[in-house]
Amino acid sequence: MAETSIVKKETVICYRCREAGHKKLECPKKFDIQHMTMEECEEWMQQMALDKDIEELLENQKNEEDFPVSNE
């Protein structure tokens, strides 16, 4: 039984890199933009933009706490 599972593991072809031995979710090239689909690239770019926006918001909040605006 173990031999069968090993044979199946070797015959699995990754949909991302087209190499044998692993599936797309386990692909070692998963963060290589050359191996991403257009949809994955768009999602990755959107996530990068969101992360940058969050970083800027947190920095602005920190600056506002450090230098409160007085209405007097």
Protein backbone atom coordinates (compact mmCIF):
# COMPACT_ATOMS: atom_id res chain seq x y z
CA MET A 1 0.00 0.00 0.00
CA ALA A 2 2.82 2.42 0.81
CA GLU A 3 4.38 1.84 -2.61
CA THR A 4 1.11 2.82 -4.30
CA SER A 5 0.96 6.14 -2.44
CA ILE A 6 4.60 6.84 -3.35
CA VAL A 7 3.91 6.12 -6.99
CA LYS A 8 0.86 8.39 -6.92
CA LYS A 9 2.89 11.16 -5.25
CA GLU A 10 5.46 10.97 -8.05
CA THR A 11 2.80 11.06 -10.77
CA VAL A 12 1.10 14.17 -9.40
CA ILE A 13 1.80 17.15 -11.65
CA CYS A 14 1.75 20.68 -10.26
CA TYR A 15 -0.63 23.01 -12.11
CA ARG A 16 1.62 26.02 -11.34
CA CYS A 17 5.12 24.90 -12.38
CA ARG A 18 4.21 21.71 -14.28
CA GLU A 19 6.77 19.67 -12.31
CA ALA A 20 6.03 16.24 -10.86
CA GLY A 21 5.86 15.33 -7.19
CA HIS A 22 3.70 18.03 -5.62
CA LYS A 23 0.43 19.92 -5.99
CA LYS A 24 -0.11 23.62 -6.65
CA LEU A 25 -0.68 24.46 -2.96
CA GLU A 26 2.62 22.79 -2.04
CA CYS A 27 4.60 24.33 -4.92
CA PRO A 28 8.03 25.63 -3.90
CA LYS A 29 7.76 28.24 -6.67
CA LYS A 30 4.49 29.66 -5.36
CA PHE A 31 5.88 33.14 -4.73
CA ASP A 32 7.78 33.37 -8.00
CA ILE A 33 5.73 35.80 -10.06
CA GLN A 34 6.76 33.99 -13.26
CA HIS A 35 4.76 30.97 -12.10
CA MET A 36 1.64 32.91 -11.08
CA THR A 37 -1.52 33.11 -13.12
CA MET A 38 -2.81 36.57 -14.05
CA GLU A 39 -5.48 36.26 -11.35
CA GLU A 40 -2.86 35.33 -8.74
CA CYS A 41 -0.71 38.31 -9.81
CA GLU A 42 -3.66 40.68 -9.46
CA GLU A 43 -4.54 39.29 -6.02
CA TRP A 44 -0.90 39.55 -4.93
CA MET A 45 -0.65 43.17 -6.12
CA GLN A 46 -3.92 44.09 -4.38
CA GLN A 47 -2.70 42.51 -1.15
CA MET A 48 0.61 44.41 -1.41
CA ALA A 49 -1.32 47.69 -1.91
CA LEU A 50 -3.60 46.92 1.06
CA ASP A 51 -0.61 46.11 3.25
CA LYS A 52 1.02 49.42 2.27
CA ASP A 53 -2.21 51.34 3.00
CA ILE A 54 -2.48 49.72 6.43
CA GLU A 55 1.17 50.54 7.13
CA GLU A 56 0.58 54.20 6.21
CA LEU A 57 -2.61 54.41 8.32
CA LEU A 58 -0.82 53.00 11.35
CA GLU A 59 2.08 55.42 10.84
CA ASN A 60 -0.36 58.36 10.57
CA GLN A 61 -2.13 57.27 13.76
CA LYS A 62 1.21 57.04 15.55
CA ASN A 63 2.17 60.51 14.35
CA GLU A 64 -1.18 61.94 15.50
CA GLU A 65 -0.65 60.44 18.96
CA ASP A 66 2.89 61.83 19.11
CA PHE A 67 1.81 65.31 17.99
CA PRO A 68 -1.79 65.99 19.04
CA VAL A 69 -3.53 68.89 17.30
CA SER A 70 -4.74 71.56 19.66
CA ASN A 71 -7.96 73.49 18.86
CA GLU A 72 -7.11 76.37 21.20
